[in-house]
């Protein structure tokens, strides 16, 4: 094995780390920006800028980027993502114990909302498989909203370079780039219709993403200023419960169901273990 291919040399690739650090500093320097749209507010977070800036250094997208970083060097980023996600998973684990009393007090409404992923999957999976002819990427793309814990789960079960890994990362990138915009507009729209109680909309904001929750609850708080504190409290509690219970729901319910549903739609009898080993 060549020295440059050893795990240590891959992890310590200075060129890749220098680019990441530079893009992170620039993104944090720009900071959170917002654009008012009607009674909603579009939030642009540093992670959004980081994605955009790093596209210019991706040799798989722009050929001139190969003069700065090669495709082989860029491929190192995939396994490093797993390392970066692990602290998030540890943090989520510490939230579960303290959140148990709140979960008990919240009643069934906040807990049952976790099954919303199944409802989303029932719509998204058939479209992905039957209309867009997606393969097992559809499993990673539709079993959740593809936030950090969900990426870690797919990485552990299949690997990020698997079809399922490609699916979950695709949704993660799209959610990071457009999720806050979508949530802000959607919250503003439903707030203006009067169809739902503001507290129900606030609960719907807590999907497990801090940026999406902030954009959604901020728009609702602007729409209902007299209920601002209550809306933020419901959204925060919902987001906390989602982080505490969402990973377990994904492990034991949504991911197994997505496997079964995919096999039914695609008539693919390949087992999960076979899929994992093939990658």
C-alpha atoms as a PDB file:
ATOM      1  CA  UNK A   1       0.000   0.000   0.000  1.00  0.00           C
ATOM      2  CA  UNK A   2       1.329   3.438  -0.896  1.00  0.00           C
ATOM      3  CA  UNK A   3       2.092   5.767   1.996  1.00  0.00           C
ATOM      4  CA  UNK A   4      -0.426   8.326   0.746  1.00  0.00           C
ATOM      5  CA  UNK A   5      -3.151   5.725   1.022  1.00  0.00           C
ATOM      6  CA  UNK A   6      -2.620   4.906   4.688  1.00  0.00           C
ATOM      7  CA  UNK A   7      -5.431   5.939   7.077  1.00  0.00           C
ATOM      8  CA  UNK A   8      -3.156   8.410   8.885  1.00  0.00           C
ATOM      9  CA  UNK A   9      -2.038  10.191   5.705  1.00  0.00           C
ATOM     10  CA  UNK A  10      -5.641  10.412   4.510  1.00  0.00           C
ATOM     11  CA  UNK A  11      -6.816  11.870   7.794  1.00  0.00           C
ATOM     12  CA  UNK A  12      -3.978  14.407   7.900  1.00  0.00           C
ATOM     13  CA  UNK A  13      -4.303  15.598   4.314  1.00  0.00           C
ATOM     14  CA  UNK A  14      -3.379  19.258   4.850  1.00  0.00           C
ATOM     15  CA  UNK A  15      -4.803  20.590   1.600  1.00  0.00           C
ATOM     16  CA  UNK A  16      -8.320  19.312   2.328  1.00  0.00           C
ATOM     17  CA  UNK A  17      -8.274  20.545   5.921  1.00  0.00           C
ATOM     18  CA  UNK A  18      -6.969  23.969   4.873  1.00  0.00           C
ATOM     19  CA  UNK A  19      -9.828  24.408   2.397  1.00  0.00           C
ATOM     20  CA  UNK A  20     -12.401  23.321   4.991  1.00  0.00           C
ATOM     21  CA  UNK A  21     -11.005  25.687   7.630  1.00  0.00           C
ATOM     22  CA  UNK A  22     -10.902  28.613   5.185  1.00  0.00           C
ATOM     23  CA  UNK A  23     -14.484  28.017   4.022  1.00  0.00           C
ATOM     24  CA  UNK A  24     -15.675  27.658   7.623  1.00  0.00           C
ATOM     25  CA  UNK A  25     -14.049  30.939   8.654  1.00  0.00           C
ATOM     26  CA  UNK A  26     -15.553  32.794   5.675  1.00  0.00           C
ATOM     27  CA  UNK A  27     -19.006  31.293   6.309  1.00  0.00           C
ATOM     28  CA  UNK A  28     -18.939  32.212  10.003  1.00  0.00           C
ATOM     29  CA  UNK A  29     -17.720  35.706   9.114  1.00  0.00           C
ATOM     30  CA  UNK A  30     -20.750  36.209   6.841  1.00  0.00           C
ATOM     31  CA  UNK A  31     -22.982  35.025   9.695  1.00  0.00           C
ATOM     32  CA  UNK A  32     -26.748  34.560   9.729  1.00  0.00           C
ATOM     33  CA  UNK A  33     -28.516  36.708   7.172  1.00  0.00           C
ATOM     34  CA  UNK A  34     -32.275  37.089   6.708  1.00  0.00           C
ATOM     35  CA  UNK A  35     -34.524  38.400   3.968  1.00  0.00           C
ATOM     36  CA  UNK A  36     -38.160  39.321   4.808  1.00  0.00           C
ATOM     37  CA  UNK A  37     -40.727  37.852   2.410  1.00  0.00           C
ATOM     38  CA  UNK A  38     -44.306  38.937   3.152  1.00  0.00           C
ATOM     39  CA  UNK A  39     -44.924  37.809   6.757  1.00  0.00           C
ATOM     40  CA  UNK A  40     -42.172  35.200   6.566  1.00  0.00           C
ATOM     41  CA  UNK A  41     -38.424  35.500   6.884  1.00  0.00           C
ATOM     42  CA  UNK A  42     -35.803  33.598   4.921  1.00  0.00           C
ATOM     43  CA  UNK A  43     -32.793  32.625   7.022  1.00  0.00           C
ATOM     44  CA  UNK A  44     -29.387  31.973   5.452  1.00  0.00           C
ATOM     45  CA  UNK A  45     -27.063  30.180   7.854  1.00  0.00           C
ATOM     46  CA  UNK A  46     -23.266  29.681   7.697  1.00  0.00           C
ATOM     47  CA  UNK A  47     -23.691  26.030   6.700  1.00  0.00           C
ATOM     48  CA  UNK A  48     -25.517  27.204   3.572  1.00  0.00           C
ATOM     49  CA  UNK A  49     -22.587  29.391   2.529  1.00  0.00           C
ATOM     50  CA  UNK A  50     -20.130  26.607   3.284  1.00  0.00           C
ATOM     51  CA  UNK A  51     -21.920  24.260   0.894  1.00  0.00           C
ATOM     52  CA  UNK A  52     -21.961  26.858  -1.871  1.00  0.00           C
ATOM     53  CA  UNK A  53     -18.303  27.838  -1.422  1.00  0.00           C
ATOM     54  CA  UNK A  54     -17.070  24.253  -1.282  1.00  0.00           C
ATOM     55  CA  UNK A  55     -18.741  23.501  -4.619  1.00  0.00           C
ATOM     56  CA  UNK A  56     -16.031  25.607  -6.256  1.00  0.00           C
ATOM     57  CA  UNK A  57     -13.371  23.282  -4.816  1.00  0.00           C
ATOM     58  CA  UNK A  58     -15.099  20.045  -5.797  1.00  0.00           C
ATOM     59  CA  UNK A  59     -13.204  18.463  -8.735  1.00  0.00           C
ATOM     60  CA  UNK A  60     -16.228  16.265  -9.467  1.00  0.00           C
ATOM     61  CA  UNK A  61     -18.218  19.392 -10.343  1.00  0.00           C
ATOM     62  CA  UNK A  62     -15.676  21.882 -11.690  1.00  0.00           C
ATOM     63  CA  UNK A  63     -12.667  20.599 -13.639  1.00  0.00           C
ATOM     64  CA  UNK A  64     -10.403  23.541 -12.822  1.00  0.00           C
ATOM     65  CA  UNK A  65     -10.688  22.556  -9.136  1.00  0.00           C
ATOM     66  CA  UNK A  66      -8.407  19.575  -9.840  1.00  0.00           C
ATOM     67  CA  UNK A  67      -5.509  22.054  -9.903  1.00  0.00           C
ATOM     68  CA  UNK A  68      -6.209  22.709  -6.222  1.00  0.00           C
ATOM     69  CA  UNK A  69      -7.405  19.324  -4.973  1.00  0.00           C
ATOM     70  CA  UNK A  70      -7.621  15.997  -6.790  1.00  0.00           C
ATOM     71  CA  UNK A  71     -10.634  13.692  -6.883  1.00  0.00           C
ATOM     72  CA  UNK A  72      -8.754  11.188  -4.743  1.00  0.00           C
ATOM     73  CA  UNK A  73      -8.038  13.823  -2.111  1.00  0.00           C
ATOM     74  CA  UNK A  74     -11.638  15.027  -2.217  1.00  0.00           C
ATOM     75  CA  UNK A  75     -12.899  11.483  -1.643  1.00  0.00           C
ATOM     76  CA  UNK A  76     -11.201  11.542   1.771  1.00  0.00           C
ATOM     77  CA  UNK A  77     -14.003  13.801   3.011  1.00  0.00           C
ATOM     78  CA  UNK A  78     -16.575  10.975   3.070  1.00  0.00           C
ATOM     79  CA  UNK A  79     -15.088   8.939   5.943  1.00  0.00           C
ATOM     80  CA  UNK A  80     -14.135  12.129   7.802  1.00  0.00           C
ATOM     81  CA  UNK A  81     -17.818  13.136   7.821  1.00  0.00           C
ATOM     82  CA  UNK A  82     -18.527  10.147  10.055  1.00  0.00           C
ATOM     83  CA  UNK A  83     -15.885  11.337  12.523  1.00  0.00           C
ATOM     84  CA  UNK A  84     -17.422  14.793  12.547  1.00  0.00           C
ATOM     85  CA  UNK A  85     -20.921  13.440  13.181  1.00  0.00           C
ATOM     86  CA  UNK A  86     -19.958  11.304  16.189  1.00  0.00           C
ATOM     87  CA  UNK A  87     -19.897  14.263  18.656  1.00  0.00           C
ATOM     88  CA  UNK A  88     -23.451  15.123  17.575  1.00  0.00           C
ATOM     89  CA  UNK A  89     -24.570  11.581  18.353  1.00  0.00           C
ATOM     90  CA  UNK A  90     -22.903  11.735  21.768  1.00  0.00           C
ATOM     91  CA  UNK A  91     -24.692  15.013  22.464  1.00  0.00           C
ATOM     92  CA  UNK A  92     -28.050  13.540  21.460  1.00  0.00           C
ATOM     93  CA  UNK A  93     -27.409  10.651  23.831  1.00  0.00           C
ATOM     94  CA  UNK A  94     -26.966  13.059  26.752  1.00  0.00           C
ATOM     95  CA  UNK A  95     -30.326  14.685  25.931  1.00  0.00           C
ATOM     96  CA  UNK A  96     -32.345  11.494  26.247  1.00  0.00           C
ATOM     97  CA  UNK A  97     -32.139  11.055  30.030  1.00  0.00           C
ATOM     98  CA  UNK A  98     -33.006  14.655  31.019  1.00  0.00           C
ATOM     99  CA  UNK A  99     -35.772  14.708  28.388  1.00  0.00           C
ATOM    100  CA  UNK A 100     -37.656  11.689  29.749  1.00  0.00           C
ATOM    101  CA  UNK A 101     -39.811  13.711  32.194  1.00  0.00           C
ATOM    102  CA  UNK A 102     -40.762  16.138  29.424  1.00  0.00           C
ATOM    103  CA  UNK A 103     -41.604  13.242  27.121  1.00  0.00           C
ATOM    104  CA  UNK A 104     -43.910  11.821  29.802  1.00  0.00           C
ATOM    105  CA  UNK A 105     -45.554  15.197  30.406  1.00  0.00           C
ATOM    106  CA  UNK A 106     -46.001  16.032  26.747  1.00  0.00           C
ATOM    107  CA  UNK A 107     -48.634  13.384  26.186  1.00  0.00           C
ATOM    108  CA  UNK A 108     -49.244  11.423  23.020  1.00  0.00           C
ATOM    109  CA  UNK A 109     -49.321  14.318  20.539  1.00  0.00           C
ATOM    110  CA  UNK A 110     -45.642  15.173  20.690  1.00  0.00           C
ATOM    111  CA  UNK A 111     -44.539  11.537  20.706  1.00  0.00           C
ATOM    112  CA  UNK A 112     -46.807  10.361  17.892  1.00  0.00           C
ATOM    113  CA  UNK A 113     -45.540  13.173  15.654  1.00  0.00           C
ATOM    114  CA  UNK A 114     -42.352  11.133  15.230  1.00  0.00           C
ATOM    115  CA  UNK A 115     -44.364   8.719  13.091  1.00  0.00           C
ATOM    116  CA  UNK A 116     -44.755  11.561  10.608  1.00  0.00           C
ATOM    117  CA  UNK A 117     -41.725  10.148   8.797  1.00  0.00           C
ATOM    118  CA  UNK A 118     -43.863   7.175   7.824  1.00  0.00           C
ATOM    119  CA  UNK A 119     -46.453   9.491   6.292  1.00  0.00           C
ATOM    120  CA  UNK A 120     -43.751  11.325   4.362  1.00  0.00           C
ATOM    121  CA  UNK A 121     -42.278   8.037   3.194  1.00  0.00           C
ATOM    122  CA  UNK A 122     -45.640   6.784   1.934  1.00  0.00           C
ATOM    123  CA  UNK A 123     -45.701   9.761  -0.442  1.00  0.00           C
ATOM    124  CA  UNK A 124     -42.011  10.133  -1.286  1.00  0.00           C
ATOM    125  CA  UNK A 125     -40.976   6.494  -1.700  1.00  0.00           C
ATOM    126  CA  UNK A 126     -43.466   5.610  -4.481  1.00  0.00           C
ATOM    127  CA  UNK A 127     -42.518   8.777  -6.371  1.00  0.00           C
ATOM    128  CA  UNK A 128     -38.800   8.038  -5.990  1.00  0.00           C
ATOM    129  CA  UNK A 129     -39.056   4.383  -7.052  1.00  0.00           C
ATOM    130  CA  UNK A 130     -41.922   4.355  -9.553  1.00  0.00           C
ATOM    131  CA  UNK A 131     -41.591   7.797 -11.148  1.00  0.00           C
ATOM    132  CA  UNK A 132     -37.867   8.633 -10.907  1.00  0.00           C
ATOM    133  CA  UNK A 133     -36.746   4.974 -11.031  1.00  0.00           C
ATOM    134  CA  UNK A 134     -34.410   5.395  -8.063  1.00  0.00           C
ATOM    135  CA  UNK A 135     -32.722   2.343  -6.602  1.00  0.00           C
ATOM    136  CA  UNK A 136     -31.829   1.844  -2.959  1.00  0.00           C
ATOM    137  CA  UNK A 137     -30.950   5.544  -2.771  1.00  0.00           C
ATOM    138  CA  UNK A 138     -34.679   5.961  -2.116  1.00  0.00           C
ATOM    139  CA  UNK A 139     -34.307   4.234   1.265  1.00  0.00           C
ATOM    140  CA  UNK A 140     -31.739   6.716   2.541  1.00  0.00           C
ATOM    141  CA  UNK A 141     -33.576   9.639   0.991  1.00  0.00           C
ATOM    142  CA  UNK A 142     -37.075   8.975   2.346  1.00  0.00           C
ATOM    143  CA  UNK A 143     -36.828   7.185   5.702  1.00  0.00           C
ATOM    144  CA  UNK A 144     -36.252  10.501   7.558  1.00  0.00           C
ATOM    145  CA  UNK A 145     -35.523  14.200   7.028  1.00  0.00           C
ATOM    146  CA  UNK A 146     -31.846  13.230   6.832  1.00  0.00           C
ATOM    147  CA  UNK A 147     -30.283  15.152   9.695  1.00  0.00           C
ATOM    148  CA  UNK A 148     -27.042  14.263  11.487  1.00  0.00           C
ATOM    149  CA  UNK A 149     -28.368  11.292  13.538  1.00  0.00           C
ATOM    150  CA  UNK A 150     -29.961   9.811  10.437  1.00  0.00           C
ATOM    151  CA  UNK A 151     -26.716  10.135   8.477  1.00  0.00           C
ATOM    152  CA  UNK A 152     -24.884   8.387  11.304  1.00  0.00           C
ATOM    153  CA  UNK A 153     -27.445   5.559  11.259  1.00  0.00           C
ATOM    154  CA  UNK A 154     -27.144   5.047   7.505  1.00  0.00           C
ATOM    155  CA  UNK A 155     -23.357   5.260   7.745  1.00  0.00           C
ATOM    156  CA  UNK A 156     -23.281   2.568  10.416  1.00  0.00           C
ATOM    157  CA  UNK A 157     -25.789   0.306   8.645  1.00  0.00           C
ATOM    158  CA  UNK A 158     -24.717   0.658   5.008  1.00  0.00           C
ATOM    159  CA  UNK A 159     -21.784   3.078   4.720  1.00  0.00           C
ATOM    160  CA  UNK A 160     -21.858   6.587   3.260  1.00  0.00           C
ATOM    161  CA  UNK A 161     -20.517   5.378  -0.096  1.00  0.00           C
ATOM    162  CA  UNK A 162     -23.433   2.961  -0.492  1.00  0.00           C
ATOM    163  CA  UNK A 163     -26.554   3.781  -2.493  1.00  0.00           C
ATOM    164  CA  UNK A 164     -28.410   4.391   0.757  1.00  0.00           C
ATOM    165  CA  UNK A 165     -25.617   6.713   1.880  1.00  0.00           C
ATOM    166  CA  UNK A 166     -25.836   8.685  -1.348  1.00  0.00           C
ATOM    167  CA  UNK A 167     -29.590   9.055  -0.826  1.00  0.00           C
ATOM    168  CA  UNK A 168     -29.369  10.351   2.735  1.00  0.00           C
ATOM    169  CA  UNK A 169     -26.501  12.744   1.924  1.00  0.00           C
ATOM    170  CA  UNK A 170     -28.390  14.118  -1.067  1.00  0.00           C
ATOM    171  CA  UNK A 171     -31.383  14.984   1.090  1.00  0.00           C
ATOM    172  CA  UNK A 172     -29.098  16.334   3.829  1.00  0.00           C
ATOM    173  CA  UNK A 173     -27.446  18.756   1.406  1.00  0.00           C
ATOM    174  CA  UNK A 174     -30.764  19.863  -0.098  1.00  0.00           C
ATOM    175  CA  UNK A 175     -32.271  20.268   3.356  1.00  0.00           C
ATOM    176  CA  UNK A 176     -29.354  22.373   4.522  1.00  0.00           C
ATOM    177  CA  UNK A 177     -29.421  24.596   1.441  1.00  0.00           C
ATOM    178  CA  UNK A 178     -33.181  25.005   1.023  1.00  0.00           C
ATOM    179  CA  UNK A 179     -34.776  23.593   4.193  1.00  0.00           C
ATOM    180  CA  UNK A 180     -34.803  26.833   6.163  1.00  0.00           C
ATOM    181  CA  UNK A 181     -36.238  28.726   3.190  1.00  0.00           C
ATOM    182  CA  UNK A 182     -38.937  26.108   2.696  1.00  0.00           C
ATOM    183  CA  UNK A 183     -39.859  25.977   6.393  1.00  0.00           C
ATOM    184  CA  UNK A 184     -40.039  29.755   6.732  1.00  0.00           C
ATOM    185  CA  UNK A 185     -42.338  30.096   3.721  1.00  0.00           C
ATOM    186  CA  UNK A 186     -44.474  27.116   4.712  1.00  0.00           C
ATOM    187  CA  UNK A 187     -44.909  28.392   8.280  1.00  0.00           C
ATOM    188  CA  UNK A 188     -45.871  31.844   7.009  1.00  0.00           C
ATOM    189  CA  UNK A 189     -48.404  30.353   4.608  1.00  0.00           C
ATOM    190  CA  UNK A 190     -50.144  28.123   7.165  1.00  0.00           C
ATOM    191  CA  UNK A 191     -50.085  30.900   9.756  1.00  0.00           C
ATOM    192  CA  UNK A 192     -52.004  33.128   7.350  1.00  0.00           C
ATOM    193  CA  UNK A 193     -54.670  30.504   6.558  1.00  0.00           C
ATOM    194  CA  UNK A 194     -55.928  30.036  10.113  1.00  0.00           C
ATOM    195  CA  UNK A 195     -56.386  26.311   9.483  1.00  0.00           C
ATOM    196  CA  UNK A 196     -54.275  25.200  12.444  1.00  0.00           C
ATOM    197  CA  UNK A 197     -53.759  26.242  16.029  1.00  0.00           C
ATOM    198  CA  UNK A 198     -50.454  28.180  16.316  1.00  0.00           C
ATOM    199  CA  UNK A 199     -49.292  25.725  18.979  1.00  0.00           C
ATOM    200  CA  UNK A 200     -49.802  22.814  16.588  1.00  0.00           C
ATOM    201  CA  UNK A 201     -47.743  24.637  13.970  1.00  0.00           C
ATOM    202  CA  UNK A 202     -45.056  25.314  16.590  1.00  0.00           C
ATOM    203  CA  UNK A 203     -44.897  21.593  17.389  1.00  0.00           C
ATOM    204  CA  UNK A 204     -44.492  20.877  13.690  1.00  0.00           C
ATOM    205  CA  UNK A 205     -41.424  23.149  13.642  1.00  0.00           C
ATOM    206  CA  UNK A 206     -39.442  20.764  15.841  1.00  0.00           C
ATOM    207  CA  UNK A 207     -38.294  18.309  13.190  1.00  0.00           C
ATOM    208  CA  UNK A 208     -34.822  17.757  14.616  1.00  0.00           C
ATOM    209  CA  UNK A 209     -32.990  20.490  12.722  1.00  0.00           C
ATOM    210  CA  UNK A 210     -31.995  23.555  14.713  1.00  0.00           C
ATOM    211  CA  UNK A 211     -31.904  25.860  11.684  1.00  0.00           C
ATOM    212  CA  UNK A 212     -35.266  24.671  10.351  1.00  0.00           C
ATOM    213  CA  UNK A 213     -36.841  24.967  13.803  1.00  0.00           C
ATOM    214  CA  UNK A 214     -35.466  28.493  14.211  1.00  0.00           C
ATOM    215  CA  UNK A 215     -36.734  29.603  10.801  1.00  0.00           C
ATOM    216  CA  UNK A 216     -40.156  28.059  11.323  1.00  0.00           C
ATOM    217  CA  UNK A 217     -40.747  29.200  14.899  1.00  0.00           C
ATOM    218  CA  UNK A 218     -39.355  32.658  14.157  1.00  0.00           C
ATOM    219  CA  UNK A 219     -41.853  33.129  11.348  1.00  0.00           C
ATOM    220  CA  UNK A 220     -44.719  31.915  13.542  1.00  0.00           C
ATOM    221  CA  UNK A 221     -43.649  34.212  16.374  1.00  0.00           C
ATOM    222  CA  UNK A 222     -43.756  37.132  13.945  1.00  0.00           C
ATOM    223  CA  UNK A 223     -47.212  36.079  12.734  1.00  0.00           C
ATOM    224  CA  UNK A 224     -48.568  35.658  16.291  1.00  0.00           C
ATOM    225  CA  UNK A 225     -46.602  38.143  18.446  1.00  0.00           C
ATOM    226  CA  UNK A 226     -49.024  37.754  21.355  1.00  0.00           C
ATOM    227  CA  UNK A 227     -48.125  34.027  21.538  1.00  0.00           C
ATOM    228  CA  UNK A 228     -44.403  34.404  20.906  1.00  0.00           C
ATOM    229  CA  UNK A 229     -43.164  32.820  24.157  1.00  0.00           C
ATOM    230  CA  UNK A 230     -45.636  29.936  23.921  1.00  0.00           C
ATOM    231  CA  UNK A 231     -44.743  29.234  20.280  1.00  0.00           C
ATOM    232  CA  UNK A 232     -41.009  29.194  21.007  1.00  0.00           C
ATOM    233  CA  UNK A 233     -41.546  26.928  24.036  1.00  0.00           C
ATOM    234  CA  UNK A 234     -43.609  24.407  22.055  1.00  0.00           C
ATOM    235  CA  UNK A 235     -41.158  24.432  19.146  1.00  0.00           C
ATOM    236  CA  UNK A 236     -38.176  23.990  21.467  1.00  0.00           C
ATOM    237  CA  UNK A 237     -39.808  21.123  23.379  1.00  0.00           C
ATOM    238  CA  UNK A 238     -40.809  19.446  20.147  1.00  0.00           C
ATOM    239  CA  UNK A 239     -37.297  19.727  18.757  1.00  0.00           C
ATOM    240  CA  UNK A 240     -35.829  18.348  21.976  1.00  0.00           C
ATOM    241  CA  UNK A 241     -38.157  15.349  21.931  1.00  0.00           C
ATOM    242  CA  UNK A 242     -37.406  14.724  18.283  1.00  0.00           C
ATOM    243  CA  UNK A 243     -33.692  14.615  19.034  1.00  0.00           C
ATOM    244  CA  UNK A 244     -34.289  12.345  22.033  1.00  0.00           C
ATOM    245  CA  UNK A 245     -36.660   9.871  20.384  1.00  0.00           C
ATOM    246  CA  UNK A 246     -36.139  10.343  16.652  1.00  0.00           C
ATOM    247  CA  UNK A 247     -33.074   8.129  16.382  1.00  0.00           C
ATOM    248  CA  UNK A 248     -34.841   5.239  18.106  1.00  0.00           C
ATOM    249  CA  UNK A 249     -37.908   5.641  15.892  1.00  0.00           C
ATOM    250  CA  UNK A 250     -35.603   5.561  12.853  1.00  0.00           C
ATOM    251  CA  UNK A 251     -33.751   2.458  14.055  1.00  0.00           C
ATOM    252  CA  UNK A 252     -36.741   0.366  15.060  1.00  0.00           C
ATOM    253  CA  UNK A 253     -39.590   1.659  12.867  1.00  0.00           C
ATOM    254  CA  UNK A 254     -38.896   3.898   9.881  1.00  0.00           C
ATOM    255  CA  UNK A 255     -35.720   2.289   8.505  1.00  0.00           C
ATOM    256  CA  UNK A 256     -37.058  -1.313   8.692  1.00  0.00           C
ATOM    257  CA  UNK A 257     -40.335  -0.116   7.189  1.00  0.00           C
ATOM    258  CA  UNK A 258     -38.502   1.680   4.367  1.00  0.00           C
ATOM    259  CA  UNK A 259     -36.609  -1.544   3.575  1.00  0.00           C
ATOM    260  CA  UNK A 260     -39.876  -3.490   3.382  1.00  0.00           C
ATOM    261  CA  UNK A 261     -41.676  -0.766   1.415  1.00  0.00           C
ATOM    262  CA  UNK A 262     -38.822  -0.474  -1.089  1.00  0.00           C
ATOM    263  CA  UNK A 263     -38.829  -4.216  -1.723  1.00  0.00           C
ATOM    264  CA  UNK A 264     -42.584  -4.160  -2.320  1.00  0.00           C
ATOM    265  CA  UNK A 265     -42.396  -1.248  -4.745  1.00  0.00           C
ATOM    266  CA  UNK A 266     -39.331  -2.418  -6.664  1.00  0.00           C
ATOM    267  CA  UNK A 267     -40.014  -6.162  -6.300  1.00  0.00           C
ATOM    268  CA  UNK A 268     -36.423  -6.444  -5.074  1.00  0.00           C
ATOM    269  CA  UNK A 269     -35.926  -9.400  -2.728  1.00  0.00           C
ATOM    270  CA  UNK A 270     -32.301  -8.488  -1.892  1.00  0.00           C
ATOM    271  CA  UNK A 271     -31.795  -8.518   1.860  1.00  0.00           C
ATOM    272  CA  UNK A 272     -30.352  -5.679   3.913  1.00  0.00           C
ATOM    273  CA  UNK A 273     -27.244  -7.721   4.745  1.00  0.00           C
ATOM    274  CA  UNK A 274     -26.591  -8.455   1.076  1.00  0.00           C
ATOM    275  CA  UNK A 275     -26.901  -4.740   0.273  1.00  0.00           C
ATOM    276  CA  UNK A 276     -24.441  -3.849   2.997  1.00  0.00           C
ATOM    277  CA  UNK A 277     -21.917  -6.444   1.997  1.00  0.00           C
ATOM    278  CA  UNK A 278     -22.108  -5.456  -1.649  1.00  0.00           C
ATOM    279  CA  UNK A 279     -20.683  -2.062  -0.740  1.00  0.00           C
END
